[in-house]
Protein backbone atom coordinates (compact mmCIF):
# COMPACT_ATOMS: atom_id res chain seq x y z
CA UNK A 1 82.14 112.80 57.29
CA UNK A 2 84.20 113.04 60.27
CA UNK A 3 88.26 111.32 60.36
CA UNK A 4 86.64 108.97 62.57
CA UNK A 5 83.96 108.00 60.09
CA UNK A 6 86.42 107.46 57.42
CA UNK A 7 88.54 105.35 59.53
CA UNK A 8 85.18 102.85 60.28
CA UNK A 9 83.98 102.95 56.78
CA UNK A 10 87.86 102.09 55.85
CA UNK A 11 87.84 99.43 58.51
CA UNK A 12 84.74 97.86 57.51
CA UNK A 13 86.23 97.63 53.74
CA UNK A 14 88.98 95.90 54.99
CA UNK A 15 86.98 93.45 56.97
CA UNK A 16 85.06 92.80 54.15
CA UNK A 17 87.83 91.97 51.93
CA UNK A 18 91.22 91.56 52.77
CA UNK A 19 90.67 90.12 56.44
CA UNK A 20 87.30 88.03 55.38
CA UNK A 21 89.78 86.55 52.31
CA UNK A 22 92.71 85.43 54.94
CA UNK A 23 90.10 84.54 57.73
CA UNK A 24 88.81 81.76 54.90
CA UNK A 25 92.26 80.45 54.18
CA UNK A 26 93.37 80.14 58.11
CA UNK A 27 91.12 80.73 60.40
CA UNK A 28 92.31 82.57 63.79
CA UNK A 29 93.44 80.86 67.00
CA UNK A 30 90.68 81.49 69.20
CA UNK A 31 87.38 82.93 68.58
CA UNK A 32 87.28 85.26 71.36
CA UNK A 33 90.22 87.01 72.84
CA UNK A 34 90.53 88.38 76.29
CA UNK A 35 92.83 89.20 78.83
CA UNK A 36 93.49 87.61 81.99
CA UNK A 37 91.08 89.70 83.84
CA UNK A 38 88.51 88.99 81.03
CA UNK A 39 88.39 91.83 79.02
CA UNK A 40 87.52 91.65 75.81
CA UNK A 41 90.57 92.42 73.10
CA UNK A 42 89.08 93.06 69.77
CA UNK A 43 91.58 92.02 66.70
CA UNK A 44 92.41 95.44 66.13
CA UNK A 45 92.40 99.18 67.69
CA UNK A 46 91.80 102.45 65.73
CA UNK A 47 91.43 105.72 66.64
CA UNK A 48 87.62 105.24 66.71
CA UNK A 49 88.51 103.66 70.02
CA UNK A 50 89.88 106.67 72.21
CA UNK A 51 87.68 109.04 70.28
CA UNK A 52 86.47 109.46 73.82
CA UNK A 53 89.21 109.83 75.51
CA UNK A 54 90.57 113.86 76.05
CA UNK A 55 94.09 114.25 76.02
CA UNK A 56 94.43 117.02 78.80
CA UNK A 57 92.04 115.03 81.27
CA UNK A 58 92.52 111.72 80.88
CA UNK A 59 96.13 111.46 79.71
CA UNK A 60 98.03 115.02 80.31
CA UNK A 61 101.58 115.22 81.38
CA UNK A 62 103.78 113.65 84.08
CA UNK A 63 104.03 115.03 87.04
CA UNK A 64 100.53 117.17 86.57
CA UNK A 65 97.01 115.72 87.10
CA UNK A 66 95.82 113.46 86.36
CA UNK A 67 99.13 111.44 86.33
CA UNK A 68 98.31 108.70 83.97
CA UNK A 69 102.02 109.35 82.46
CA UNK A 70 103.75 109.68 85.60
CA UNK A 71 103.77 110.91 89.10
CA UNK A 72 107.13 112.97 88.23
CA UNK A 73 107.74 115.36 85.41
CA UNK A 74 111.00 113.95 84.08
CA UNK A 75 110.63 110.08 85.52
CA UNK A 76 113.62 108.07 84.48
CA UNK A 77 115.50 110.29 82.69
CA UNK A 78 116.10 112.16 85.71
CA UNK A 79 116.37 108.87 87.86
CA UNK A 80 115.78 105.25 87.51
CA UNK A 81 113.57 103.50 89.96
CA UNK A 82 114.60 102.17 93.15
CA UNK A 83 116.07 98.21 92.13
CA UNK A 84 115.19 96.09 95.07
CA UNK A 85 115.64 92.41 95.96
CA UNK A 86 113.18 91.13 98.50
CA UNK A 87 115.90 89.58 100.83
CA UNK A 88 115.84 88.00 104.27
CA UNK A 89 116.64 84.49 105.68
CA UNK A 90 118.08 82.14 108.13
CA UNK A 91 119.73 84.05 111.17
CA UNK A 92 120.69 87.93 111.10
CA UNK A 93 123.83 87.02 109.97
CA UNK A 94 123.03 85.34 106.97
CA UNK A 95 120.86 88.21 105.98
CA UNK A 96 123.45 90.75 106.76
CA UNK A 97 125.93 89.09 104.26
CA UNK A 98 123.17 88.74 102.06
CA UNK A 99 122.16 92.60 101.83
CA UNK A 100 125.91 93.49 101.93
CA UNK A 101 126.31 91.04 98.88
CA UNK A 102 123.46 92.93 96.87
CA UNK A 103 124.30 96.89 98.25
CA UNK A 104 128.01 95.71 96.65
CA UNK A 105 125.95 94.59 93.22
CA UNK A 106 124.78 98.19 93.03
CA UNK A 107 121.30 97.54 94.78
CA UNK A 108 120.58 100.77 97.43
CA UNK A 109 116.71 100.00 98.41
CA UNK A 110 116.67 96.73 100.98
CA UNK A 111 113.78 94.96 100.72
CA UNK A 112 113.14 92.79 104.47
CA UNK A 113 111.29 89.42 104.57
CA UNK A 114 110.97 88.09 107.68
CA UNK A 115 110.04 84.33 108.66
CA UNK A 116 106.48 83.34 109.87
CA UNK A 117 106.97 83.67 113.52
CA UNK A 118 108.14 87.38 113.24
CA UNK A 119 105.38 87.90 111.29
CA UNK A 120 102.80 86.41 113.82
CA UNK A 121 104.45 87.89 116.97
CA UNK A 122 106.12 84.78 118.32
CA UNK A 123 109.46 84.61 119.66
CA UNK A 124 111.98 81.66 117.92
CA UNK A 125 111.40 79.66 121.39
CA UNK A 126 107.76 79.49 121.17
CA UNK A 127 106.57 76.13 120.88
CA UNK A 128 104.17 77.23 117.64
CA UNK A 129 107.46 78.76 115.93
CA UNK A 130 109.08 75.70 115.86
CA UNK A 131 110.09 74.67 112.17
CA UNK A 132 109.22 77.74 110.96
CA UNK A 133 112.41 79.88 112.35
CA UNK A 134 114.07 81.31 109.60
CA UNK A 135 112.53 79.74 106.72
CA UNK A 136 110.78 82.20 104.60
CA UNK A 137 112.67 85.09 106.20
CA UNK A 138 115.24 86.15 108.82
CA UNK A 139 114.27 85.62 112.46
CA UNK A 140 114.05 89.06 114.20
CA UNK A 141 113.00 88.22 118.24
CA UNK A 142 114.83 91.64 119.47
CA UNK A 143 117.08 94.58 118.74
CA UNK A 144 120.07 92.30 119.15
CA UNK A 145 118.68 90.75 115.75
CA UNK A 146 118.67 94.06 113.88
CA UNK A 147 121.83 95.31 114.89
CA UNK A 148 123.33 92.45 113.52
CA UNK A 149 121.04 92.70 110.34
CA UNK A 150 122.36 96.51 109.72
CA UNK A 151 126.10 95.64 110.85
CA UNK A 152 128.13 97.74 108.40
CA UNK A 153 124.78 99.49 106.90
CA UNK A 154 124.74 102.93 107.47
CA UNK A 155 120.55 103.64 107.67
CA UNK A 156 121.35 107.35 106.47
CA UNK A 157 122.64 105.94 103.20
CA UNK A 158 119.93 103.44 102.40
CA UNK A 159 116.29 103.14 102.20
CA UNK A 160 114.68 99.96 103.69
CA UNK A 161 111.20 98.17 102.95
CA UNK A 162 109.88 95.96 105.62
CA UNK A 163 107.30 92.93 104.74
CA UNK A 164 105.59 93.36 108.16
CA UNK A 165 102.48 93.95 108.92
CA UNK A 166 100.44 92.55 112.27
CA UNK A 167 103.76 93.28 114.18
CA UNK A 168 104.45 96.40 112.29
CA UNK A 169 104.65 98.96 115.33
CA UNK A 170 107.15 96.74 116.86
CA UNK A 171 109.63 96.33 113.67
CA UNK A 172 109.32 99.85 113.15
CA UNK A 173 110.05 100.95 116.48
CA UNK A 174 113.30 98.29 116.34
CA UNK A 175 114.62 100.11 113.51
CA UNK A 176 114.03 103.69 114.87
CA UNK A 177 115.99 102.51 118.08
CA UNK A 178 119.03 101.07 115.77
CA UNK A 179 119.28 104.15 113.75
CA UNK A 180 119.64 106.07 117.48
CA UNK A 181 121.97 103.42 118.15
CA UNK A 182 124.19 104.47 114.77
CA UNK A 183 123.42 108.19 115.59
CA UNK A 184 120.90 108.25 113.02
CA UNK A 185 117.95 110.60 113.84
CA UNK A 186 114.44 109.35 113.01
CA UNK A 187 113.69 112.28 110.65
CA UNK A 188 116.62 111.03 108.28
CA UNK A 189 115.22 107.48 107.96
CA UNK A 190 113.89 106.52 104.76
CA UNK A 191 111.66 103.31 103.61
CA UNK A 192 108.49 101.84 104.04
CA UNK A 193 106.63 99.49 106.90
CA UNK A 194 104.01 97.78 104.49
CA UNK A 195 101.92 97.81 107.71
CA UNK A 196 98.71 96.97 105.38
CA UNK A 197 96.85 94.93 108.21
CA UNK A 198 93.67 95.15 105.98
CA UNK A 199 94.81 92.72 103.30
CA UNK A 200 95.92 90.26 105.53
CA UNK A 201 92.44 89.42 106.35
CA UNK A 202 91.92 89.33 102.82
CA UNK A 203 94.20 87.14 101.28
CA UNK A 204 97.60 86.66 103.35
CA UNK A 205 96.22 85.16 107.03
CA UNK A 206 99.08 86.66 108.84
CA UNK A 207 97.08 88.50 111.17
CA UNK A 208 97.17 88.51 114.74
CA UNK A 209 94.50 90.91 116.59
CA UNK A 210 90.76 91.37 115.27
CA UNK A 211 90.41 94.05 113.08
CA UNK A 212 89.49 96.91 114.89
CA UNK A 213 92.81 96.76 117.04
CA UNK A 214 94.75 95.81 114.35
CA UNK A 215 93.43 99.19 112.27
CA UNK A 216 94.32 101.13 115.37
CA UNK A 217 98.10 99.91 115.18
CA UNK A 218 98.34 100.71 111.35
CA UNK A 219 97.25 104.34 112.31
CA UNK A 220 99.63 104.28 115.29
CA UNK A 221 102.56 104.13 112.80
CA UNK A 222 100.77 106.65 110.23
CA UNK A 223 100.39 109.47 112.96
CA UNK A 224 103.93 109.20 114.76
CA UNK A 225 105.72 109.04 110.99
CA UNK A 226 103.76 112.12 110.46
CA UNK A 227 105.38 113.53 113.55
CA UNK A 228 108.79 111.96 113.70
CA UNK A 229 109.66 110.39 110.26
CA UNK A 230 108.86 112.81 107.58
CA UNK A 231 110.53 110.70 105.22
CA UNK A 232 108.89 107.36 105.92
CA UNK A 233 106.60 105.98 103.70
CA UNK A 234 103.88 105.00 106.47
CA UNK A 235 101.47 102.27 104.98
CA UNK A 236 102.44 100.39 101.94
CA UNK A 237 98.78 99.56 100.66
CA UNK A 238 99.19 96.27 98.65
CA UNK A 239 97.28 94.50 96.30
CA UNK A 240 100.44 92.25 95.43
CA UNK A 241 99.31 89.40 97.87
CA UNK A 242 95.60 90.00 96.80
CA UNK A 243 96.70 89.22 93.29
CA UNK A 244 98.51 86.43 94.38
CA UNK A 245 95.29 85.22 96.01
CA UNK A 246 93.66 84.71 93.05
CA UNK A 247 92.09 88.04 92.14
CA UNK A 248 92.80 89.50 88.53
CA UNK A 249 94.26 92.65 87.62
CA UNK A 250 90.54 94.76 87.52
CA UNK A 251 90.12 93.13 91.36
CA UNK A 252 93.45 93.83 92.44
CA UNK A 253 93.43 97.33 91.68
CA UNK A 254 89.62 97.80 92.97
CA UNK A 255 90.31 95.99 96.41
CA UNK A 256 93.74 98.21 96.64
CA UNK A 257 91.89 101.34 96.28
CA UNK A 258 89.16 100.20 98.39
CA UNK A 259 91.80 99.52 101.21
CA UNK A 260 93.32 102.82 100.56
CA UNK A 261 90.02 104.63 100.80
CA UNK A 262 89.10 102.52 104.33
CA UNK A 263 92.94 103.99 105.52
CA UNK A 264 92.35 107.01 104.78
CA UNK A 265 88.96 107.66 106.26
CA UNK A 266 90.12 106.09 109.66
CA UNK A 267 93.13 108.49 109.44
CA UNK A 268 90.69 111.16 109.62
CA UNK A 269 89.15 110.17 112.17
CA UNK A 270 92.15 110.04 114.10
CA UNK A 271 91.96 113.81 113.58
CA UNK A 272 94.35 114.35 110.61
CA UNK A 273 93.62 116.25 107.45
CA UNK A 274 94.72 114.20 104.43
CA UNK A 275 97.50 116.58 103.09
CA UNK A 276 99.19 115.84 106.63
CA UNK A 277 99.76 111.77 105.53
CA UNK A 278 98.76 111.02 101.89
CA UNK A 279 101.93 112.06 100.71
CA UNK A 280 103.52 109.17 102.85
CA UNK A 281 101.55 106.53 101.38
CA UNK A 282 102.36 104.43 98.86
CA UNK A 283 101.37 101.18 96.96
CA UNK A 284 102.43 98.04 95.63
CA UNK A 285 100.70 95.90 92.69
CA UNK A 286 101.77 92.86 91.20
CA UNK A 287 103.45 91.89 87.66
CA UNK A 288 101.49 89.04 86.30
CA UNK A 289 101.69 87.33 82.82
CA UNK A 290 99.57 89.84 80.30
CA UNK A 291 102.21 92.93 79.89
CA UNK A 292 99.53 95.24 78.16
CA UNK A 293 96.89 94.35 80.81
CA UNK A 294 99.60 95.23 83.39
CA UNK A 295 100.77 98.28 82.08
CA UNK A 296 97.23 99.72 81.44
CA UNK A 297 96.43 98.79 85.30
CA UNK A 298 99.26 100.69 86.22
CA UNK A 299 98.21 104.05 84.21
CA UNK A 300 94.71 103.43 85.69
CA UNK A 301 95.88 102.99 89.22
CA UNK A 302 97.38 106.88 89.18
CA UNK A 303 94.57 108.50 87.12
CA UNK A 304 91.97 106.80 89.69
CA UNK A 305 93.50 107.64 92.55
CA UNK A 306 94.22 111.27 92.11
CA UNK A 307 90.54 111.59 90.67
CA UNK A 308 89.42 109.98 94.12
CA UNK A 309 91.89 112.13 96.63
CA UNK A 310 90.93 115.44 94.75
CA UNK A 311 86.88 114.75 94.47
CA UNK A 312 86.22 112.32 97.41
CA UNK A 313 88.87 113.77 99.78
CA UNK A 314 89.34 117.21 98.74
CA UNK A 315 93.15 116.99 98.85
CA UNK A 316 94.81 120.34 98.09
CA UNK A 317 98.94 119.30 98.01
CA UNK A 318 99.91 117.74 94.74
CA UNK A 319 102.01 115.28 96.77
CA UNK A 320 98.71 113.72 98.17
CA UNK A 321 97.47 112.82 95.18
CA UNK A 322 100.91 110.75 93.55
CA UNK A 323 99.79 106.82 93.80
CA UNK A 324 103.50 105.89 94.17
CA UNK A 325 104.08 102.19 93.32
CA UNK A 326 106.75 99.91 94.15
CA UNK A 327 105.91 96.66 91.64
CA UNK A 328 106.87 93.00 91.82
CA UNK A 329 107.21 89.65 90.16
CA UNK A 330 103.91 87.63 90.94
CA UNK A 331 105.63 84.48 92.73
CA UNK A 332 102.60 82.56 91.46
CA UNK A 333 103.35 82.80 87.51
CA UNK A 334 107.04 81.41 88.51
CA UNK A 335 107.19 77.77 88.07
CA UNK A 336 109.20 74.70 89.27
CA UNK A 337 108.90 73.05 85.96
CA UNK A 338 111.86 74.11 83.93
CA UNK A 339 113.14 76.95 86.05
CA UNK A 340 115.27 78.65 84.06
CA UNK A 341 112.37 79.66 81.98
CA UNK A 342 111.40 82.10 84.79
CA UNK A 343 114.69 84.02 83.86
CA UNK A 344 112.15 85.28 80.69
CA UNK A 345 109.55 86.01 82.79
CA UNK A 346 111.61 87.71 85.29
CA UNK A 347 112.73 90.19 82.69
CA UNK A 348 109.01 90.60 81.72
CA UNK A 349 107.58 91.42 85.24
CA UNK A 350 110.77 94.14 84.89
CA UNK A 351 109.77 95.37 81.76
CA UNK A 352 105.82 95.69 82.97
CA UNK A 353 107.40 97.57 85.72
CA UNK A 354 109.38 100.06 83.72
CA UNK A 355 106.45 100.74 81.32
CA UNK A 356 103.75 101.04 83.53
CA UNK A 357 106.24 103.69 85.36
CA UNK A 358 106.97 102.63 88.98
CA UNK A 359 108.92 103.86 91.57
CA UNK A 360 110.76 100.80 93.11
CA UNK A 361 110.55 97.22 91.27
CA UNK A 362 111.51 94.01 92.90
CA UNK A 363 112.07 91.16 90.39
CA UNK A 364 112.04 87.82 91.60
CA UNK A 365 114.62 84.97 90.99
CA UNK A 366 114.41 81.98 88.74
CA UNK A 367 114.59 79.51 91.64
CA UNK A 368 111.64 81.06 93.97
CA UNK A 369 109.91 77.69 92.56
CA UNK A 370 112.01 75.44 94.50
CA UNK A 371 113.37 77.56 97.22
CA UNK A 372 114.59 80.86 99.00
CA UNK A 373 116.71 82.71 96.19
CA UNK A 374 120.45 81.98 96.00
CA UNK A 375 122.99 84.35 95.86
CA UNK A 376 123.63 84.02 91.59
CA UNK A 377 119.91 83.86 91.35
CA UNK A 378 119.42 86.90 92.99
CA UNK A 379 122.65 88.92 91.25
CA UNK A 380 120.97 87.72 88.14
CA UNK A 381 117.53 89.14 89.28
CA UNK A 382 119.45 92.66 89.90
CA UNK A 383 121.67 92.22 86.46
CA UNK A 384 118.07 91.82 84.81
CA UNK A 385 117.01 95.37 86.12
CA UNK A 386 120.38 97.11 85.44
CA UNK A 387 120.57 95.91 81.84
CA UNK A 388 116.86 97.26 81.11
CA UNK A 389 117.76 100.53 82.52
CA UNK A 390 121.55 101.34 80.98
CA UNK A 391 120.82 99.45 77.82
CA UNK A 392 117.57 98.90 76.56
CA UNK A 393 116.18 102.73 75.64
CA UNK A 394 113.49 102.51 77.73
CA UNK A 395 114.17 105.09 80.03
CA UNK A 396 114.89 107.61 76.83
CA UNK A 397 111.15 108.93 77.01
CA UNK A 398 108.49 109.36 79.18
CA UNK A 399 105.32 106.26 79.18
CA UNK A 400 106.32 105.37 75.63
CA UNK A 401 103.25 103.26 75.37
CA UNK A 402 100.61 106.09 75.74
CA UNK A 403 99.26 106.90 72.64
CA UNK A 404 98.52 103.35 71.70
CA UNK A 405 94.98 102.78 70.65
CA UNK A 406 94.95 99.17 72.61
CA UNK A 407 96.74 100.71 75.87
CA UNK A 408 94.82 103.90 76.36
CA UNK A 409 91.17 101.87 75.29
CA UNK A 410 92.87 98.69 77.75
CA UNK A 411 93.36 102.33 80.43
CA UNK A 412 89.97 103.48 80.61
CA UNK A 413 88.31 100.00 80.49
CA UNK A 414 90.11 99.21 83.69
CA UNK A 415 89.25 102.43 85.52
CA UNK A 416 85.49 102.02 84.15
CA UNK A 417 85.58 98.18 85.84
CA UNK A 418 87.34 99.09 89.06
CA UNK A 419 85.23 102.49 89.32
CA UNK A 420 82.40 99.81 89.44
CA UNK A 421 83.61 97.93 91.95
CA UNK A 422 84.15 101.10 94.15
CA UNK A 423 80.91 101.56 93.92
CA UNK A 424 79.49 98.31 94.95
CA UNK A 425 81.78 98.01 97.78
CA UNK A 426 80.48 102.19 99.11
CA UNK A 427 77.05 100.33 98.62
CA UNK A 428 78.01 97.65 101.54
CA UNK A 429 79.26 100.49 104.29
CA UNK A 430 82.76 100.38 102.81
CA UNK A 431 85.66 97.59 102.50
CA UNK A 432 85.82 96.43 106.47
CA UNK A 433 81.66 95.57 105.79
CA UNK A 434 82.55 94.15 102.55
CA UNK A 435 85.56 91.84 103.64
CA UNK A 436 83.71 91.01 107.03
CA UNK A 437 80.38 89.63 104.68
CA UNK A 438 82.43 87.54 102.02
CA UNK A 439 82.06 89.92 99.26
CA UNK A 440 85.88 90.39 98.84
CA UNK A 441 86.85 86.86 99.31
CA UNK A 442 84.08 85.25 97.32
CA UNK A 443 85.02 87.88 94.35
CA UNK A 444 88.68 86.94 94.49
CA UNK A 445 87.94 83.05 94.95
CA UNK A 446 85.47 83.15 91.55
CA UNK A 447 88.77 84.50 89.50
CA UNK A 448 91.33 82.30 90.67
CA UNK A 449 88.48 79.12 89.85
CA UNK A 450 88.19 80.93 86.66
CA UNK A 451 92.31 80.74 85.70
CA UNK A 452 92.90 77.48 87.16
CA UNK A 453 90.03 76.18 84.71
CA UNK A 454 91.31 77.63 81.86
CA UNK A 455 94.66 76.38 82.63
CA UNK A 456 93.53 73.11 83.02
CA UNK A 457 91.79 72.95 79.82
CA UNK A 458 94.81 74.39 77.46
CA UNK A 459 92.89 77.38 77.10
CA UNK A 460 96.02 79.21 79.41
CA UNK A 461 99.08 77.87 78.33
CA UNK A 462 102.03 77.83 81.10
CA UNK A 463 105.01 76.85 79.07
CA UNK A 464 106.50 73.52 80.88
CA UNK A 465 103.27 72.63 83.09
CA UNK A 466 100.40 72.36 80.32
CA UNK A 467 102.28 72.72 77.08
CA UNK A 468 106.15 72.29 76.10
CA UNK A 469 106.56 69.96 78.95
CA UNK A 470 109.73 67.72 79.28
CA UNK A 471 109.67 64.27 80.54
CA UNK A 472 113.28 64.36 82.37
CA UNK A 473 114.00 67.84 83.43
CA UNK A 474 117.24 68.90 83.89
CA UNK A 475 118.04 69.14 88.24
CA UNK A 476 119.41 72.16 89.24
CA UNK A 477 119.45 71.06 93.08
CA UNK A 478 122.78 71.95 93.30
CA UNK A 479 122.27 75.81 92.60
CA UNK A 480 119.23 76.04 95.30
CA UNK A 481 119.51 77.84 98.65
CA UNK A 482 119.65 75.26 101.30
CA UNK A 483 118.91 76.74 104.95
CA UNK A 484 120.85 75.29 107.81
CA UNK A 485 118.45 72.70 109.20
CA UNK A 486 120.09 73.59 113.17
CA UNK A 487 118.50 77.23 112.95
CA UNK A 488 115.95 76.73 115.48
CA UNK A 489 118.40 75.44 117.54
CA UNK A 490 121.11 78.81 116.95
CA UNK A 491 118.56 80.93 116.80
CA UNK A 492 116.90 80.01 120.47
CA UNK A 493 120.34 79.98 121.85
CA UNK A 494 121.00 83.51 120.95
CA UNK A 495 117.58 84.95 122.35
CA UNK A 496 118.28 83.10 125.72
CA UNK A 497 121.94 84.53 125.65
CA UNK A 498 120.06 88.02 124.87
CA UNK A 499 117.14 87.18 128.05
CA UNK A 500 120.05 86.50 130.07
CA UNK A 501 122.51 89.65 129.62
CA UNK A 502 119.58 92.46 129.22
CA UNK A 503 118.44 94.21 132.17
CA UNK A 504 115.58 92.22 132.90
CA UNK A 505 113.95 95.01 135.57
CA UNK A 506 114.75 97.70 133.32
CA UNK A 507 112.58 95.34 130.85
CA UNK A 508 109.69 94.48 132.97
CA UNK A 509 108.88 98.47 133.64
CA UNK A 510 108.96 98.93 129.93
CA UNK A 511 106.23 96.12 129.29
CA UNK A 512 104.41 97.46 132.41
CA UNK A 513 104.16 101.36 131.00
CA UNK A 514 103.26 99.42 127.38
CA UNK A 515 100.50 97.80 129.09
CA UNK A 516 98.70 101.08 130.86
CA UNK A 517 99.54 102.66 127.14
CA UNK A 518 97.60 99.63 125.46
CA UNK A 519 94.78 99.87 128.29
CA UNK A 520 94.74 103.85 127.57
CA UNK A 521 94.48 103.64 124.11
CA UNK A 522 97.62 105.79 123.81
CA UNK A 523 99.87 105.90 120.51
CA UNK A 524 101.89 102.51 121.15
CA UNK A 525 105.09 103.69 119.10
CA UNK A 526 106.48 105.49 122.01
CA UNK A 527 106.38 103.09 124.51
CA UNK A 528 107.49 100.01 122.32
CA UNK A 529 110.79 101.91 121.42
CA UNK A 530 111.39 101.89 125.37
CA UNK A 531 110.57 98.18 125.59
CA UNK A 532 112.94 97.35 122.43
CA UNK A 533 115.39 99.76 123.42
CA UNK A 534 115.35 97.28 126.63
CA UNK A 535 115.71 94.23 124.19
CA UNK A 536 112.50 93.33 125.21
CA UNK A 537 110.74 90.51 122.39
CA UNK A 538 108.50 90.66 119.90
CA UNK A 539 106.66 87.70 121.82
CA UNK A 540 106.86 89.98 125.02
CA UNK A 541 105.44 93.04 123.20
CA UNK A 542 102.77 91.07 120.88
CA UNK A 543 101.55 88.85 124.46
CA UNK A 544 100.70 91.93 125.61
CA UNK A 545 98.37 92.99 123.02
CA UNK A 546 97.36 89.16 122.97
CA UNK A 547 95.66 89.72 126.64
CA UNK A 548 94.08 92.91 125.75
CA UNK A 549 92.89 92.15 122.59
CA UNK A 550 92.57 88.65 121.95
CA UNK A 551 93.65 86.89 118.59
CA UNK A 552 91.55 87.11 115.25
CA UNK A 553 90.31 83.67 114.30
CA UNK A 554 88.48 83.44 110.68
CA UNK A 555 85.38 82.59 110.69
CA UNK A 556 85.08 81.18 107.88
CA UNK A 557 87.81 78.41 109.06
CA UNK A 558 86.19 75.44 110.67
């Protein structure tokens, strides 16, 4: 009899005696337990549940294929993750003040939020921007705004992540031009442009151009940075927003990897070798509610990606196999009711990210159910990460949940389910086809409805929402961040001053050269850099591309 047979026999004995007696006295709270993705959770896990896992080929060691235990050999024993706070609101001056506040608090990685007009390529004085300027991020119309945002912040000493997609080429051009003004060469700039346009078509909806031209712009960044910005993460392939749209953990990872495959194939079509650019790709996944499922998802992501890169793309450089991740608190898990409870949820998100082995972690703020984060709330979120990093013992050993019968079994189950999704997407002709034919959207919608039905029925408890509610809640309104209602007028006035003071002949010349490059299907970043250095606006630049390519209209929207 093998050791597994002995354990299975002993378990059967336990189930028919001790367990049966206890269940007769006090039944369990549910007949069936599952993760948030619907994966059945057994009452108990034993070595029998991991008997099919080969340690060396499936788990291995940190910094070694298949990277299940981490992408670097020493992980947090050598260096903590980059602690980021998603910040940016109002005017450039407001955002500069917040950035400096966070940097003084010990943060070394900036995560930059842009307002909706900027994300959609509109200037603040465009009629379509009215009422949205500076509301969910900072307004950036020209290089002058970037100069103010980073005033007193040396670009060669910090890393900047920019959550920007459709006009990512324009914002990157501004950042490069700003570095030049500061005397920082492009090759020294470190940071990330999210630049993941496919997830905009899937989840967020802040696209501008049709999929073809949009993919072209994404690849312009990848190609240009390979040649000129060797330290820049050219593309952060982002499952976070897919999760926020209603996907479960399995779908989030599957669709993120499917997007990655589409981008890698597009870069190869540009003539780039996979080992030329893959090491500068990064990934962003969300931290939701189910701690063990999230940790297993993160572990499975590294293993799956390494195998895809080696087996599907024949990558040779070990750096091309690394699934380097930035994780963030899923905003949908934060609730407006009893908002101080969100501090606990945020600490759980940070714990998921640390146990999951991320390279950068963003923690939300407790007040985000009502407003953009206040200074004090942002500092508390940063301190949450710092306390976990220095006071908890979490960083003393690598991948501490490795070997858990439950976590290892769950990691493998997620890998199996994600692999099946990838097979189905390949059968449809790839991710672009799966997006266009509605398959991805329908899958996310089904998961979203399933979760909401569970919450509505009380099967999924959300503290303060469907259980443990309070008739009269304490008001925290005096602690929330309030955006100046005059910000639209302020930004329009500032933009007008820039337009009046710039060399408009030089702007006209640079935009004409950019238009020629658009028509010639050239890489657009070089002419964009010249245009933004003349203080051409984001709207002027994007309008040239609108004229050439048109705007994308979602066919599902009536």
